[in-house]
Amino acid sequence: MQAVEVKNFLEEKLPGTRVEVEGEGCNFQLNVISDEIAALSPVKRQQQIYAHLNPWITDGRIHAVTMKFFSSAAWAERT
């Protein structure tokens, strides 16, 4: 699996969300930029992402995912 596949898939499933993905094969690191998701509790944030990735985790296409969440303002300050 390629990082661009994960990026495109999540951005399609989560309109208004920007996802930066690093990694390849079955291990990925996600930077999720969304004011809506960033406002949620840490558990709810992860649930939003895992809800979409679970089929790929279950079938082994994705083995490990790490996530960081940013509001638009926090992301702009970072870059």
Protein backbone atom coordinates (compact mmCIF):
# COMPACT_ATOMS: atom_id res chain seq x y z
CA MET A 1 0.00 0.00 0.00
CA GLN A 2 1.23 3.48 -0.82
CA ALA A 3 0.96 6.62 1.31
CA VAL A 4 -0.94 8.44 -1.45
CA GLU A 5 -3.66 5.75 -1.34
CA VAL A 6 -4.17 6.31 2.38
CA LYS A 7 -4.14 10.11 1.94
CA ASN A 8 -6.66 10.11 -0.91
CA PHE A 9 -8.92 7.60 0.83
CA LEU A 10 -9.08 9.50 4.12
CA GLU A 11 -9.51 12.90 2.46
CA GLU A 12 -12.40 11.47 0.44
CA LYS A 13 -14.04 9.97 3.55
CA LEU A 14 -13.45 13.06 5.72
CA PRO A 15 -14.40 16.14 3.66
CA GLY A 16 -12.65 19.30 4.78
CA THR A 17 -9.79 17.32 6.28
CA ARG A 18 -6.22 17.44 5.06
CA VAL A 19 -4.10 14.36 5.68
CA GLU A 20 -0.33 14.21 5.33
CA VAL A 21 0.91 10.62 5.22
CA GLU A 22 4.41 9.22 5.59
CA GLY A 23 5.42 5.60 5.38
CA GLU A 24 4.92 2.73 3.00
CA GLY A 25 4.05 -0.91 2.93
CA CYS A 26 1.93 -1.46 6.02
CA ASN A 27 3.25 1.21 8.44
CA PHE A 28 2.05 4.80 8.25
CA GLN A 29 2.32 8.07 10.16
CA LEU A 30 -0.60 10.47 9.73
CA ASN A 31 -0.80 14.20 10.33
CA VAL A 32 -4.51 15.00 10.30
CA ILE A 33 -5.37 18.67 9.83
CA SER A 34 -9.00 19.45 10.66
CA ASP A 35 -10.57 22.01 12.95
CA GLU A 36 -13.55 19.70 13.49
CA ILE A 37 -11.51 16.61 14.39
CA ALA A 38 -8.97 18.58 16.45
CA ALA A 39 -11.83 19.79 18.67
CA LEU A 40 -12.73 16.22 19.65
CA SER A 41 -11.31 14.26 22.58
CA PRO A 42 -8.18 12.22 21.81
CA VAL A 43 -10.16 8.96 21.78
CA LYS A 44 -12.84 10.37 19.46
CA ARG A 45 -10.12 11.66 17.10
CA GLN A 46 -8.62 8.22 16.72
CA GLN A 47 -12.04 6.63 16.35
CA GLN A 48 -12.75 8.94 13.41
CA ILE A 49 -9.69 7.63 11.58
CA TYR A 50 -9.87 3.99 12.61
CA ALA A 51 -13.52 3.81 11.51
CA HIS A 52 -12.29 4.21 7.94
CA LEU A 53 -9.01 2.30 8.16
CA ASN A 54 -10.31 -0.78 10.00
CA PRO A 55 -11.02 -2.84 6.85
CA TRP A 56 -7.40 -2.35 5.74
CA ILE A 57 -6.11 -3.14 9.24
CA THR A 58 -8.25 -6.27 9.42
CA ASP A 59 -7.04 -7.63 6.08
CA GLY A 60 -3.39 -6.81 6.85
CA ARG A 61 -2.82 -4.05 4.29
CA ILE A 62 -2.12 -1.72 7.22
CA HIS A 63 -0.26 -3.02 10.25
CA ALA A 64 0.66 0.11 12.23
CA VAL A 65 -0.67 3.66 12.25
CA THR A 66 0.48 6.62 14.31
CA MET A 67 -1.54 9.81 14.28
CA LYS A 68 -1.08 13.44 15.18
CA PHE A 69 -3.95 15.90 15.00
CA PHE A 70 -3.79 19.62 14.27
CA SER A 71 -6.24 22.47 13.86
CA SER A 72 -5.68 24.56 10.74
CA ALA A 73 -4.12 27.32 12.85
CA ALA A 74 -1.81 24.93 14.70
CA TRP A 75 -0.68 23.38 11.41
CA ALA A 76 0.00 26.82 9.89
CA GLU A 77 2.14 27.78 12.89
CA ARG A 78 4.09 24.55 12.58
CA THR A 79 5.07 24.90 8.92
